[in-house]
N, C-alpha and C. Protein backbone atom coordinates (compact mmCIF):
# COMPACT_ATOMS: atom_id res chain seq x y z
N GLN A 1 74.04 97.27 175.87
CA GLN A 1 74.30 98.34 174.92
C GLN A 1 75.72 98.26 174.38
N ILE A 2 76.64 98.07 175.26
CA ILE A 2 78.04 98.00 174.84
C ILE A 2 78.25 96.82 173.90
N ILE A 3 77.57 95.75 174.18
CA ILE A 3 77.72 94.55 173.34
C ILE A 3 77.17 94.85 171.94
N LYS A 4 76.05 95.58 171.88
CA LYS A 4 75.48 95.95 170.58
C LYS A 4 76.44 96.87 169.83
N LEU A 5 77.02 97.81 170.57
CA LEU A 5 77.97 98.74 169.96
C LEU A 5 79.20 98.00 169.46
N GLN A 6 79.68 97.08 170.27
CA GLN A 6 80.85 96.28 169.85
C GLN A 6 80.50 95.45 168.60
N ALA A 7 79.30 94.90 168.58
CA ALA A 7 78.87 94.10 167.42
C ALA A 7 78.79 94.98 166.17
N LEU A 8 78.27 96.21 166.35
CA LEU A 8 78.19 97.13 165.21
C LEU A 8 79.59 97.49 164.70
N VAL A 9 80.50 97.75 165.59
CA VAL A 9 81.87 98.12 165.20
C VAL A 9 82.55 96.93 164.52
N ARG A 10 82.40 95.75 165.13
CA ARG A 10 83.00 94.56 164.51
C ARG A 10 82.41 94.30 163.12
N GLY A 11 81.11 94.47 162.99
CA GLY A 11 80.44 94.30 161.69
C GLY A 11 80.96 95.31 160.68
N HIS A 12 81.10 96.57 161.12
CA HIS A 12 81.63 97.62 160.24
C HIS A 12 83.06 97.29 159.79
N LEU A 13 83.89 96.88 160.74
CA LEU A 13 85.27 96.52 160.41
C LEU A 13 85.32 95.30 159.48
N ALA A 14 84.46 94.34 159.72
CA ALA A 14 84.42 93.15 158.86
C ALA A 14 84.01 93.52 157.44
N ARG A 15 83.00 94.43 157.31
CA ARG A 15 82.58 94.88 155.97
C ARG A 15 83.71 95.61 155.26
N GLN A 16 84.42 96.47 155.98
CA GLN A 16 85.55 97.21 155.37
C GLN A 16 86.63 96.23 154.91
N THR A 17 86.95 95.26 155.74
CA THR A 17 87.96 94.25 155.37
C THR A 17 87.49 93.47 154.14
N TYR A 18 86.22 93.07 154.14
CA TYR A 18 85.67 92.34 153.00
C TYR A 18 85.74 93.18 151.72
N LEU A 19 85.34 94.45 151.82
CA LEU A 19 85.35 95.32 150.63
C LEU A 19 86.77 95.54 150.10
N ARG A 20 87.73 95.74 151.03
CA ARG A 20 89.12 95.91 150.60
C ARG A 20 89.64 94.63 149.92
N THR A 21 89.30 93.49 150.50
CA THR A 21 89.73 92.21 149.93
C THR A 21 89.12 92.02 148.54
N LYS A 22 87.83 92.33 148.43
CA LYS A 22 87.13 92.20 147.15
C LYS A 22 87.76 93.14 146.11
N GLU A 23 88.03 94.38 146.50
CA GLU A 23 88.64 95.36 145.59
C GLU A 23 90.03 94.90 145.14
N ALA A 24 90.80 94.36 146.07
CA ALA A 24 92.14 93.86 145.73
C ALA A 24 92.04 92.67 144.77
N ALA A 25 91.08 91.78 145.00
CA ALA A 25 90.89 90.63 144.12
C ALA A 25 90.51 91.09 142.71
N VAL A 26 89.65 92.09 142.62
CA VAL A 26 89.23 92.62 141.31
C VAL A 26 90.44 93.23 140.59
N ARG A 27 91.27 93.98 141.31
CA ARG A 27 92.47 94.56 140.69
C ARG A 27 93.42 93.47 140.19
N ILE A 28 93.62 92.45 141.03
CA ILE A 28 94.50 91.34 140.61
C ILE A 28 93.94 90.66 139.37
N GLN A 29 92.65 90.39 139.34
CA GLN A 29 92.03 89.76 138.17
C GLN A 29 92.19 90.63 136.93
N ALA A 30 91.99 91.93 137.09
CA ALA A 30 92.14 92.85 135.96
C ALA A 30 93.57 92.83 135.43
N ASN A 31 94.54 92.84 136.34
CA ASN A 31 95.94 92.81 135.91
C ASN A 31 96.29 91.50 135.22
N VAL A 32 95.79 90.39 135.75
CA VAL A 32 96.05 89.09 135.12
C VAL A 32 95.42 89.04 133.73
N LYS A 33 94.18 89.52 133.60
CA LYS A 33 93.52 89.55 132.28
C LYS A 33 94.29 90.43 131.31
N MET A 34 94.78 91.58 131.80
CA MET A 34 95.56 92.48 130.96
C MET A 34 96.84 91.79 130.49
N LEU A 35 97.51 91.09 131.39
CA LEU A 35 98.75 90.39 131.05
C LEU A 35 98.49 89.30 130.01
N ILE A 36 97.41 88.54 130.21
CA ILE A 36 97.06 87.49 129.25
C ILE A 36 96.77 88.09 127.89
N GLN A 37 95.99 89.18 127.84
CA GLN A 37 95.66 89.83 126.57
C GLN A 37 96.91 90.40 125.89
N ARG A 38 97.81 90.97 126.70
CA ARG A 38 99.04 91.54 126.14
C ARG A 38 99.89 90.44 125.50
N ARG A 39 100.00 89.29 126.19
CA ARG A 39 100.76 88.17 125.63
C ARG A 39 100.12 87.64 124.36
N ARG A 40 98.79 87.55 124.38
CA ARG A 40 98.06 87.09 123.19
C ARG A 40 98.30 88.05 122.02
N TYR A 41 98.24 89.35 122.30
CA TYR A 41 98.46 90.36 121.26
C TYR A 41 99.88 90.27 120.72
N GLN A 42 100.88 90.14 121.61
CA GLN A 42 102.27 90.04 121.17
C GLN A 42 102.48 88.81 120.28
N LYS A 43 101.88 87.69 120.67
CA LYS A 43 102.01 86.47 119.87
C LYS A 43 101.38 86.66 118.50
N LEU A 44 100.19 87.26 118.47
CA LEU A 44 99.52 87.53 117.20
C LEU A 44 100.35 88.48 116.34
N LYS A 45 100.90 89.50 116.97
CA LYS A 45 101.73 90.48 116.26
C LYS A 45 102.97 89.80 115.66
N ASN A 46 103.64 88.96 116.46
CA ASN A 46 104.84 88.27 115.98
C ASN A 46 104.51 87.31 114.84
N CYS A 47 103.39 86.61 114.95
CA CYS A 47 102.97 85.71 113.87
C CYS A 47 102.67 86.49 112.60
N THR A 48 102.02 87.63 112.75
CA THR A 48 101.70 88.48 111.60
C THR A 48 102.97 88.98 110.92
N ILE A 49 103.93 89.41 111.72
CA ILE A 49 105.20 89.90 111.18
C ILE A 49 105.92 88.78 110.44
N LEU A 50 105.93 87.58 111.02
CA LEU A 50 106.58 86.44 110.38
C LEU A 50 105.89 86.11 109.05
N LEU A 51 104.57 86.15 109.05
CA LEU A 51 103.81 85.87 107.83
C LEU A 51 104.12 86.90 106.75
N GLN A 52 104.15 88.18 107.12
CA GLN A 52 104.46 89.23 106.16
C GLN A 52 105.88 89.06 105.62
N LYS A 53 106.81 88.75 106.51
CA LYS A 53 108.21 88.57 106.12
C LYS A 53 108.34 87.41 105.12
N THR A 54 107.65 86.31 105.42
CA THR A 54 107.69 85.14 104.53
C THR A 54 107.08 85.47 103.18
N TYR A 55 105.95 86.17 103.18
CA TYR A 55 105.29 86.52 101.93
C TYR A 55 106.17 87.44 101.09
N ARG A 56 106.74 88.46 101.73
CA ARG A 56 107.61 89.39 101.00
C ARG A 56 108.83 88.68 100.44
N SER A 57 109.36 87.73 101.21
CA SER A 57 110.51 86.95 100.75
C SER A 57 110.14 86.13 99.52
N MET A 58 108.95 85.52 99.55
CA MET A 58 108.50 84.73 98.40
C MET A 58 108.32 85.60 97.17
N VAL A 59 107.73 86.77 97.36
CA VAL A 59 107.53 87.70 96.24
C VAL A 59 108.89 88.11 95.66
N GLN A 60 109.84 88.41 96.53
CA GLN A 60 111.16 88.82 96.07
C GLN A 60 111.86 87.67 95.35
N MET A 61 111.75 86.45 95.88
CA MET A 61 112.38 85.30 95.22
C MET A 61 111.76 85.07 93.85
N ARG A 62 110.44 85.24 93.75
CA ARG A 62 109.77 85.08 92.47
C ARG A 62 110.29 86.12 91.46
N GLN A 63 110.47 87.36 91.94
CA GLN A 63 110.96 88.42 91.07
C GLN A 63 112.39 88.14 90.62
N VAL A 64 113.24 87.68 91.54
CA VAL A 64 114.63 87.35 91.20
C VAL A 64 114.64 86.22 90.17
N ARG A 65 113.79 85.21 90.37
CA ARG A 65 113.74 84.09 89.42
C ARG A 65 113.27 84.57 88.05
N ASN A 66 112.25 85.41 88.02
CA ASN A 66 111.77 85.93 86.74
C ASN A 66 112.85 86.75 86.03
N ASP A 67 113.59 87.56 86.79
CA ASP A 67 114.69 88.34 86.21
C ASP A 67 115.75 87.41 85.64
N PHE A 68 116.09 86.36 86.40
CA PHE A 68 117.09 85.40 85.93
C PHE A 68 116.62 84.72 84.65
N LEU A 69 115.35 84.27 84.63
CA LEU A 69 114.84 83.60 83.43
C LEU A 69 114.84 84.54 82.22
N GLN A 70 114.52 85.81 82.45
CA GLN A 70 114.54 86.78 81.35
C GLN A 70 115.97 86.99 80.84
N GLN A 71 116.92 87.09 81.75
CA GLN A 71 118.32 87.26 81.35
C GLN A 71 118.81 86.02 80.59
N ARG A 72 118.43 84.84 81.08
CA ARG A 72 118.85 83.61 80.40
C ARG A 72 118.25 83.54 79.00
N LYS A 73 116.99 83.92 78.88
CA LYS A 73 116.33 83.93 77.57
C LYS A 73 117.04 84.90 76.62
N SER A 74 117.38 86.08 77.14
CA SER A 74 118.10 87.06 76.32
C SER A 74 119.46 86.52 75.90
N ALA A 75 120.16 85.85 76.83
CA ALA A 75 121.47 85.28 76.51
C ALA A 75 121.35 84.22 75.43
N VAL A 76 120.29 83.40 75.50
CA VAL A 76 120.08 82.36 74.49
C VAL A 76 119.83 82.99 73.13
N VAL A 77 119.07 84.08 73.09
CA VAL A 77 118.80 84.76 71.82
C VAL A 77 120.11 85.32 71.24
N VAL A 78 120.92 85.96 72.08
CA VAL A 78 122.20 86.52 71.62
C VAL A 78 123.09 85.41 71.11
N GLN A 79 123.18 84.31 71.86
CA GLN A 79 124.01 83.18 71.44
C GLN A 79 123.52 82.60 70.12
N SER A 80 122.21 82.54 69.96
CA SER A 80 121.62 82.01 68.73
C SER A 80 122.01 82.89 67.53
N TYR A 81 121.88 84.21 67.71
CA TYR A 81 122.27 85.11 66.61
C TYR A 81 123.76 85.00 66.31
N LEU A 82 124.58 84.87 67.35
CA LEU A 82 126.02 84.76 67.15
C LEU A 82 126.36 83.47 66.41
N ARG A 83 125.76 82.36 66.81
CA ARG A 83 126.01 81.08 66.11
C ARG A 83 125.54 81.17 64.66
N SER A 84 124.38 81.79 64.45
CA SER A 84 123.87 81.95 63.09
C SER A 84 124.83 82.79 62.24
N TYR A 85 125.35 83.88 62.82
CA TYR A 85 126.29 84.74 62.12
C TYR A 85 127.56 83.97 61.76
N ILE A 86 128.09 83.22 62.74
CA ILE A 86 129.32 82.45 62.48
C ILE A 86 129.08 81.38 61.43
N ALA A 87 127.94 80.68 61.52
CA ALA A 87 127.63 79.62 60.55
C ALA A 87 127.47 80.22 59.16
N ARG A 88 126.79 81.37 59.06
CA ARG A 88 126.61 82.01 57.73
C ARG A 88 127.95 82.47 57.17
N LYS A 89 128.78 83.03 58.04
CA LYS A 89 130.11 83.48 57.60
C LYS A 89 130.92 82.27 57.09
N GLU A 90 130.87 81.16 57.81
CA GLU A 90 131.59 79.94 57.39
C GLU A 90 131.02 79.41 56.07
N TYR A 91 129.69 79.42 55.96
CA TYR A 91 129.04 78.96 54.74
C TYR A 91 129.48 79.81 53.54
N LEU A 92 129.48 81.12 53.69
CA LEU A 92 129.87 82.01 52.59
C LEU A 92 131.34 81.80 52.23
N LYS A 93 132.17 81.55 53.23
CA LYS A 93 133.59 81.29 52.98
C LYS A 93 133.75 79.99 52.18
N GLN A 94 133.03 78.94 52.59
CA GLN A 94 133.09 77.66 51.86
C GLN A 94 132.53 77.81 50.46
N LYS A 95 131.46 78.58 50.33
CA LYS A 95 130.86 78.79 49.01
C LYS A 95 131.84 79.52 48.09
N SER A 96 132.48 80.53 48.65
CA SER A 96 133.47 81.28 47.88
C SER A 96 134.63 80.38 47.47
N SER A 97 135.08 79.53 48.41
CA SER A 97 136.18 78.59 48.10
C SER A 97 135.74 77.60 47.03
N ALA A 98 134.51 77.12 47.09
CA ALA A 98 134.00 76.17 46.10
C ALA A 98 133.94 76.84 44.72
N ILE A 99 133.53 78.10 44.70
CA ILE A 99 133.47 78.82 43.41
C ILE A 99 134.86 78.98 42.82
N VAL A 100 135.82 79.29 43.66
CA VAL A 100 137.21 79.44 43.17
C VAL A 100 137.70 78.11 42.64
N ILE A 101 137.45 77.01 43.37
CA ILE A 101 137.89 75.68 42.91
C ILE A 101 137.20 75.33 41.60
N GLN A 102 135.90 75.59 41.50
CA GLN A 102 135.17 75.30 40.27
C GLN A 102 135.73 76.10 39.10
N SER A 103 136.05 77.37 39.36
CA SER A 103 136.57 78.18 38.26
C SER A 103 137.94 77.67 37.80
N TYR A 104 138.79 77.23 38.75
CA TYR A 104 140.10 76.66 38.36
C TYR A 104 139.91 75.37 37.59
N VAL A 105 138.96 74.53 38.01
CA VAL A 105 138.70 73.27 37.30
C VAL A 105 138.19 73.57 35.90
N ARG A 106 137.27 74.50 35.76
CA ARG A 106 136.73 74.85 34.44
C ARG A 106 137.83 75.44 33.55
N MET A 107 138.64 76.29 34.17
CA MET A 107 139.73 76.90 33.41
C MET A 107 140.71 75.80 32.94
N HIS A 108 140.99 74.85 33.78
CA HIS A 108 141.89 73.77 33.45
C HIS A 108 141.29 72.91 32.33
N LEU A 109 139.98 72.65 32.43
CA LEU A 109 139.32 71.86 31.40
C LEU A 109 139.28 72.60 30.07
N GLU A 110 139.14 73.90 30.09
CA GLU A 110 139.11 74.69 28.85
C GLU A 110 140.48 74.70 28.19
N ARG A 111 141.52 74.70 28.96
CA ARG A 111 142.86 74.74 28.39
C ARG A 111 143.25 73.43 27.74
N LYS A 112 142.65 72.36 28.11
CA LYS A 112 143.01 71.08 27.53
C LYS A 112 142.53 70.99 26.16
């Protein structure tokens, strides 16, 4: 009888030890899986942030370039009008000088 009782107690203790070990193993596995998922999530999050940052930078660079090209185009137009104004002013000055010279030549020819 005592041997049966001892066997029952030892069996009960062995089951309790097994269940505690199994429960501890499950907790460890759960924590490891959680850690792996957390690292995976952080990596994905960091990659996403880097991608967004790169995209926004490209959009901003494109906008800066477009602004620069627009300003350069405007500057070229202003320079063109200024050159045209100066050339016309010079042309009218030369034309006026030519008319004065022609009138002096004609006047000189009439006096002869």
